[in-house]
Amino acid sequence: MRSNDLFAYLDHYNIDASAIMNGLNQATSVDGASVSYDDNGNLTSYDGVSYGYDAENFMTSGNGATVVYDAVGRLRQTTKTGFTSTRYLHAGASLIAEYDFAGDVLRRYVHGPGVDEPVVWYEGDDTTDRRWLTADERGSIIAVANSSGTSPTSTPTTPTELNGVGAPFNRRRQCRTLPVYGTGLDRRG
């Protein structure tokens, strides 16, 4: 049950697209654009964009981006032309910091007692730009507030912004199913 309609997603719309489906209910063509998959069901190409995966089905490339994971499957770095290349530091399962390739701190995270429970996000290399993260009953971050209790100007305020590529926090870096900011990629798993 929703207790607040502020984040209710209202941007549903219908599209008029013809799709050809295969026996696995996968689209093989959408409005004439070819769609293909590997033997594991991973999308490998769509409309001229190719996607690559590793042996564990983690997406490693696509849309001009490269994604690298560490030995235990945590996000290690992302690169894409035109975006800041980022390296990720974890403490156990929790993402605690992001760095650019020069070693400069981009952002840091403080977690609560639970797994995948980010509470505070510090933008930059100091503690002056503190952002409080609010999660819903499922643990998804639904709101971000600065120290004065308002939404920072560079912070998303709608579900589309919170969950879409380019959203500052819900880059799905905190868990395996979220998209990686600035890459146009989703990590499968």
C-alpha atoms as a PDB file:
ATOM      1  CA  MET A   1       0.000   0.000   0.000  1.00  0.00           C
ATOM      2  CA  ARG A   2       1.333   3.418  -0.942  1.00  0.00           C
ATOM      3  CA  SER A   3       1.323   5.972   1.818  1.00  0.00           C
ATOM      4  CA  ASN A   4       2.363   8.876  -0.400  1.00  0.00           C
ATOM      5  CA  ASP A   5       1.354   9.592  -4.000  1.00  0.00           C
ATOM      6  CA  LEU A   6       4.248  12.018  -4.501  1.00  0.00           C
ATOM      7  CA  PHE A   7       6.241   9.245  -6.170  1.00  0.00           C
ATOM      8  CA  ALA A   8       3.373   7.522  -7.975  1.00  0.00           C
ATOM      9  CA  TYR A   9       4.440   6.773 -11.539  1.00  0.00           C
ATOM     10  CA  LEU A  10       1.881   8.355 -13.868  1.00  0.00           C
ATOM     11  CA  ASP A  11       3.764   8.398 -17.159  1.00  0.00           C
ATOM     12  CA  HIS A  12       2.353   5.171 -18.606  1.00  0.00           C
ATOM     13  CA  TYR A  13       1.715   5.282 -22.309  1.00  0.00           C
ATOM     14  CA  ASN A  14       0.891   2.961 -25.153  1.00  0.00           C
ATOM     15  CA  ILE A  15       3.175   2.471 -28.104  1.00  0.00           C
ATOM     16  CA  ASP A  16       2.236   1.399 -31.574  1.00  0.00           C
ATOM     17  CA  ALA A  17       5.004  -1.035 -32.498  1.00  0.00           C
ATOM     18  CA  SER A  18       4.860  -4.304 -34.319  1.00  0.00           C
ATOM     19  CA  ALA A  19       6.944  -7.097 -32.880  1.00  0.00           C
ATOM     20  CA  ILE A  20       7.722 -10.600 -34.023  1.00  0.00           C
ATOM     21  CA  MET A  21       8.073 -13.022 -31.120  1.00  0.00           C
ATOM     22  CA  ASN A  22       9.819 -16.408 -31.002  1.00  0.00           C
ATOM     23  CA  GLY A  23       8.835 -19.536 -29.057  1.00  0.00           C
ATOM     24  CA  LEU A  24      10.567 -18.192 -25.926  1.00  0.00           C
ATOM     25  CA  ASN A  25       8.400 -15.046 -25.997  1.00  0.00           C
ATOM     26  CA  GLN A  26      11.426 -12.971 -27.011  1.00  0.00           C
ATOM     27  CA  ALA A  27      11.016 -10.205 -29.562  1.00  0.00           C
ATOM     28  CA  THR A  28      13.139 -11.005 -32.611  1.00  0.00           C
ATOM     29  CA  SER A  29      12.070  -7.871 -34.472  1.00  0.00           C
ATOM     30  CA  VAL A  30      10.507  -4.608 -33.281  1.00  0.00           C
ATOM     31  CA  ASP A  31       9.232  -2.286 -35.988  1.00  0.00           C
ATOM     32  CA  GLY A  32      11.666  -3.931 -38.401  1.00  0.00           C
ATOM     33  CA  ALA A  33      14.709  -3.554 -36.120  1.00  0.00           C
ATOM     34  CA  SER A  34      16.459  -6.842 -35.480  1.00  0.00           C
ATOM     35  CA  VAL A  35      16.714  -8.169 -31.926  1.00  0.00           C
ATOM     36  CA  SER A  36      18.961 -11.092 -30.965  1.00  0.00           C
ATOM     37  CA  TYR A  37      19.845 -13.068 -27.850  1.00  0.00           C
ATOM     38  CA  ASP A  38      22.576 -15.478 -26.759  1.00  0.00           C
ATOM     39  CA  ASP A  39      21.910 -19.054 -25.607  1.00  0.00           C
ATOM     40  CA  ASN A  40      21.368 -17.798 -22.043  1.00  0.00           C
ATOM     41  CA  GLY A  41      18.607 -15.403 -23.115  1.00  0.00           C
ATOM     42  CA  ASN A  42      20.736 -12.250 -22.769  1.00  0.00           C
ATOM     43  CA  LEU A  43      19.978  -9.478 -25.248  1.00  0.00           C
ATOM     44  CA  THR A  44      23.003  -9.314 -27.582  1.00  0.00           C
ATOM     45  CA  SER A  45      21.824  -6.743 -30.118  1.00  0.00           C
ATOM     46  CA  TYR A  46      18.959  -4.399 -30.796  1.00  0.00           C
ATOM     47  CA  ASP A  47      18.621  -1.721 -33.435  1.00  0.00           C
ATOM     48  CA  GLY A  48      22.346  -1.677 -34.215  1.00  0.00           C
ATOM     49  CA  VAL A  49      23.581  -1.684 -30.605  1.00  0.00           C
ATOM     50  CA  SER A  50      25.499  -4.760 -29.412  1.00  0.00           C
ATOM     51  CA  TYR A  51      25.735  -6.003 -25.829  1.00  0.00           C
ATOM     52  CA  GLY A  52      28.295  -8.360 -24.283  1.00  0.00           C
ATOM     53  CA  TYR A  53      28.210 -10.612 -21.214  1.00  0.00           C
ATOM     54  CA  ASP A  54      30.688 -12.600 -19.174  1.00  0.00           C
ATOM     55  CA  ALA A  55      30.439 -16.287 -18.262  1.00  0.00           C
ATOM     56  CA  GLU A  56      28.193 -15.413 -15.297  1.00  0.00           C
ATOM     57  CA  ASN A  57      25.762 -13.431 -17.505  1.00  0.00           C
ATOM     58  CA  PHE A  58      26.809 -10.036 -16.154  1.00  0.00           C
ATOM     59  CA  MET A  59      26.556  -7.372 -18.835  1.00  0.00           C
ATOM     60  CA  THR A  60      30.063  -6.165 -19.670  1.00  0.00           C
ATOM     61  CA  SER A  61      29.540  -3.905 -22.668  1.00  0.00           C
ATOM     62  CA  GLY A  62      26.941  -2.110 -24.709  1.00  0.00           C
ATOM     63  CA  ASN A  63      25.886   1.273 -25.977  1.00  0.00           C
ATOM     64  CA  GLY A  64      29.539   2.357 -25.985  1.00  0.00           C
ATOM     65  CA  ALA A  65      30.075   1.512 -22.321  1.00  0.00           C
ATOM     66  CA  THR A  66      32.250  -1.033 -20.570  1.00  0.00           C
ATOM     67  CA  VAL A  67      31.428  -2.499 -17.167  1.00  0.00           C
ATOM     68  CA  VAL A  68      33.896  -4.525 -15.062  1.00  0.00           C
ATOM     69  CA  TYR A  69      33.114  -6.621 -11.975  1.00  0.00           C
ATOM     70  CA  ASP A  70      35.410  -7.952  -9.266  1.00  0.00           C
ATOM     71  CA  ALA A  71      35.948 -11.628  -8.457  1.00  0.00           C
ATOM     72  CA  VAL A  72      32.851 -11.803  -6.251  1.00  0.00           C
ATOM     73  CA  GLY A  73      30.555 -10.094  -8.761  1.00  0.00           C
ATOM     74  CA  ARG A  74      30.499  -6.558  -7.363  1.00  0.00           C
ATOM     75  CA  LEU A  75      30.658  -3.598  -9.723  1.00  0.00           C
ATOM     76  CA  ARG A  76      34.318  -2.507 -10.009  1.00  0.00           C
ATOM     77  CA  GLN A  77      34.396   0.140 -12.750  1.00  0.00           C
ATOM     78  CA  THR A  78      32.414   1.725 -15.557  1.00  0.00           C
ATOM     79  CA  THR A  79      33.680   3.623 -18.569  1.00  0.00           C
ATOM     80  CA  LYS A  80      31.908   5.375 -21.399  1.00  0.00           C
ATOM     81  CA  THR A  81      33.121   8.075 -23.749  1.00  0.00           C
ATOM     82  CA  GLY A  82      31.722  11.435 -22.684  1.00  0.00           C
ATOM     83  CA  PHE A  83      31.071  10.353 -19.079  1.00  0.00           C
ATOM     84  CA  THR A  84      33.286  10.233 -15.989  1.00  0.00           C
ATOM     85  CA  SER A  85      34.914   6.818 -15.750  1.00  0.00           C
ATOM     86  CA  THR A  86      34.237   5.514 -12.282  1.00  0.00           C
ATOM     87  CA  ARG A  87      35.798   2.971  -9.932  1.00  0.00           C
ATOM     88  CA  TYR A  88      33.800   1.519  -7.043  1.00  0.00           C
ATOM     89  CA  LEU A  89      34.950   0.569  -3.541  1.00  0.00           C
ATOM     90  CA  HIS A  90      32.992  -1.947  -1.456  1.00  0.00           C
ATOM     91  CA  ALA A  91      33.050  -3.077   2.158  1.00  0.00           C
ATOM     92  CA  GLY A  92      31.568  -6.550   1.957  1.00  0.00           C
ATOM     93  CA  ALA A  93      28.371  -6.249  -0.076  1.00  0.00           C
ATOM     94  CA  SER A  94      27.999  -2.489   0.507  1.00  0.00           C
ATOM     95  CA  LEU A  95      29.197   0.154  -1.943  1.00  0.00           C
ATOM     96  CA  ILE A  96      31.024   2.732   0.179  1.00  0.00           C
ATOM     97  CA  ALA A  97      32.769   5.024  -2.330  1.00  0.00           C
ATOM     98  CA  GLU A  98      33.148   5.998  -5.968  1.00  0.00           C
ATOM     99  CA  TYR A  99      36.360   7.395  -7.454  1.00  0.00           C
ATOM    100  CA  ASP A 100      37.363   8.782 -10.827  1.00  0.00           C
ATOM    101  CA  PHE A 101      40.367   7.233 -12.575  1.00  0.00           C
ATOM    102  CA  ALA A 102      42.677   9.900 -11.100  1.00  0.00           C
ATOM    103  CA  GLY A 103      41.758   8.645  -7.615  1.00  0.00           C
ATOM    104  CA  ASP A 104      39.594  11.628  -6.677  1.00  0.00           C
ATOM    105  CA  VAL A 105      36.563  10.844  -4.503  1.00  0.00           C
ATOM    106  CA  LEU A 106      33.310  11.405  -6.384  1.00  0.00           C
ATOM    107  CA  ARG A 107      30.889  10.242  -3.681  1.00  0.00           C
ATOM    108  CA  ARG A 108      30.748   8.192  -0.485  1.00  0.00           C
ATOM    109  CA  TYR A 109      27.960   6.209   1.161  1.00  0.00           C
ATOM    110  CA  VAL A 110      27.167   5.370   4.777  1.00  0.00           C
ATOM    111  CA  HIS A 111      25.046   2.284   5.352  1.00  0.00           C
ATOM    112  CA  GLY A 112      22.614   1.245   8.051  1.00  0.00           C
ATOM    113  CA  PRO A 113      22.738  -2.097   9.863  1.00  0.00           C
ATOM    114  CA  GLY A 114      21.037  -4.085   7.081  1.00  0.00           C
ATOM    115  CA  VAL A 115      22.470  -5.413   3.829  1.00  0.00           C
ATOM    116  CA  ASP A 116      22.023  -2.990   0.918  1.00  0.00           C
ATOM    117  CA  GLU A 117      20.773  -0.220   3.223  1.00  0.00           C
ATOM    118  CA  PRO A 118      22.412   3.070   2.197  1.00  0.00           C
ATOM    119  CA  VAL A 119      21.391   5.905   4.521  1.00  0.00           C
ATOM    120  CA  VAL A 120      23.642   8.878   3.679  1.00  0.00           C
ATOM    121  CA  TRP A 121      25.363   9.886   0.452  1.00  0.00           C
ATOM    122  CA  TYR A 122      28.212  12.435   0.503  1.00  0.00           C
ATOM    123  CA  GLU A 123      28.819  14.110  -2.848  1.00  0.00           C
ATOM    124  CA  GLY A 124      32.464  15.033  -3.384  1.00  0.00           C
ATOM    125  CA  ASP A 125      35.510  14.521  -1.214  1.00  0.00           C
ATOM    126  CA  ASP A 126      34.292  16.233   1.958  1.00  0.00           C
ATOM    127  CA  THR A 127      31.209  16.156   4.192  1.00  0.00           C
ATOM    128  CA  THR A 128      29.612  19.481   3.241  1.00  0.00           C
ATOM    129  CA  ASP A 129      27.235  18.048   0.608  1.00  0.00           C
ATOM    130  CA  ARG A 130      25.363  15.433   2.667  1.00  0.00           C
ATOM    131  CA  ARG A 131      22.269  13.780   1.193  1.00  0.00           C
ATOM    132  CA  TRP A 132      19.853  11.650   3.201  1.00  0.00           C
ATOM    133  CA  LEU A 133      18.344   8.682   1.405  1.00  0.00           C
ATOM    134  CA  THR A 134      14.777   7.533   2.030  1.00  0.00           C
ATOM    135  CA  ALA A 135      13.751   3.994   1.162  1.00  0.00           C
ATOM    136  CA  ASP A 136      10.304   2.501   0.700  1.00  0.00           C
ATOM    137  CA  GLU A 137       9.131  -0.752   2.283  1.00  0.00           C
ATOM    138  CA  ARG A 138      11.049  -2.744  -0.364  1.00  0.00           C
ATOM    139  CA  GLY A 139      14.321  -0.919   0.243  1.00  0.00           C
ATOM    140  CA  SER A 140      14.232   1.075  -3.007  1.00  0.00           C
ATOM    141  CA  ILE A 141      15.502   4.629  -2.647  1.00  0.00           C
ATOM    142  CA  ILE A 142      12.497   6.844  -3.333  1.00  0.00           C
ATOM    143  CA  ALA A 143      13.694  10.236  -2.117  1.00  0.00           C
ATOM    144  CA  VAL A 144      16.861  12.200  -1.459  1.00  0.00           C
ATOM    145  CA  ALA A 145      17.062  15.226   0.847  1.00  0.00           C
ATOM    146  CA  ASN A 146      19.936  17.574   1.635  1.00  0.00           C
ATOM    147  CA  SER A 147      20.842  18.780   5.120  1.00  0.00           C
ATOM    148  CA  SER A 148      18.067  21.403   5.066  1.00  0.00           C
ATOM    149  CA  GLY A 149      15.463  18.756   4.227  1.00  0.00           C
ATOM    150  CA  THR A 150      14.894  19.792   0.623  1.00  0.00           C
ATOM    151  CA  SER A 151      15.736  17.974  -2.575  1.00  0.00           C
ATOM    152  CA  PRO A 152      19.115  19.128  -3.963  1.00  0.00           C
ATOM    153  CA  THR A 153      18.825  20.680  -7.417  1.00  0.00           C
ATOM    154  CA  SER A 154      20.861  17.873  -8.986  1.00  0.00           C
ATOM    155  CA  THR A 155      18.834  15.168  -7.251  1.00  0.00           C
ATOM    156  CA  PRO A 156      15.968  13.284  -8.908  1.00  0.00           C
ATOM    157  CA  THR A 157      12.455  13.915  -7.640  1.00  0.00           C
ATOM    158  CA  THR A 158      10.257  11.576  -9.682  1.00  0.00           C
ATOM    159  CA  PRO A 159      10.305   7.791 -10.069  1.00  0.00           C
ATOM    160  CA  THR A 160      11.417   8.188 -13.677  1.00  0.00           C
ATOM    161  CA  GLU A 161      14.400  10.297 -12.620  1.00  0.00           C
ATOM    162  CA  LEU A 162      15.178   8.080  -9.624  1.00  0.00           C
ATOM    163  CA  ASN A 163      15.211   4.897 -11.689  1.00  0.00           C
ATOM    164  CA  GLY A 164      16.418   6.144 -15.061  1.00  0.00           C
ATOM    165  CA  VAL A 165      19.903   6.346 -16.451  1.00  0.00           C
ATOM    166  CA  GLY A 166      21.441   9.607 -15.304  1.00  0.00           C
ATOM    167  CA  ALA A 167      19.773   9.609 -11.900  1.00  0.00           C
ATOM    168  CA  PRO A 168      22.378  10.457  -9.272  1.00  0.00           C
ATOM    169  CA  PHE A 169      21.587   7.756  -6.739  1.00  0.00           C
ATOM    170  CA  ASN A 170      19.433   4.938  -8.012  1.00  0.00           C
ATOM    171  CA  ARG A 171      22.114   3.900 -10.403  1.00  0.00           C
ATOM    172  CA  ARG A 172      21.470   0.450  -9.130  1.00  0.00           C
ATOM    173  CA  ARG A 173      24.991   0.285  -7.870  1.00  0.00           C
ATOM    174  CA  GLN A 174      23.726  -0.706  -4.473  1.00  0.00           C
ATOM    175  CA  CYS A 175      22.240  -4.000  -5.676  1.00  0.00           C
ATOM    176  CA  ARG A 176      22.602  -6.344  -8.624  1.00  0.00           C
ATOM    177  CA  THR A 177      19.508  -5.366 -10.605  1.00  0.00           C
ATOM    178  CA  LEU A 178      19.928  -1.611 -10.969  1.00  0.00           C
ATOM    179  CA  PRO A 179      21.250   0.269 -14.042  1.00  0.00           C
ATOM    180  CA  VAL A 180      24.703   1.764 -13.983  1.00  0.00           C
ATOM    181  CA  TYR A 181      24.638   5.577 -14.096  1.00  0.00           C
ATOM    182  CA  GLY A 182      25.961   7.190 -17.241  1.00  0.00           C
ATOM    183  CA  THR A 183      26.299   3.980 -19.238  1.00  0.00           C
ATOM    184  CA  GLY A 184      22.844   3.080 -20.516  1.00  0.00           C
ATOM    185  CA  LEU A 185      23.383  -0.439 -19.182  1.00  0.00           C
ATOM    186  CA  ASP A 186      21.472  -2.720 -16.848  1.00  0.00           C
ATOM    187  CA  ARG A 187      23.240  -5.456 -15.012  1.00  0.00           C
ATOM    188  CA  ARG A 188      21.437  -8.742 -15.171  1.00  0.00           C
ATOM    189  CA  GLY A 189      21.288 -10.913 -12.109  1.00  0.00           C
END
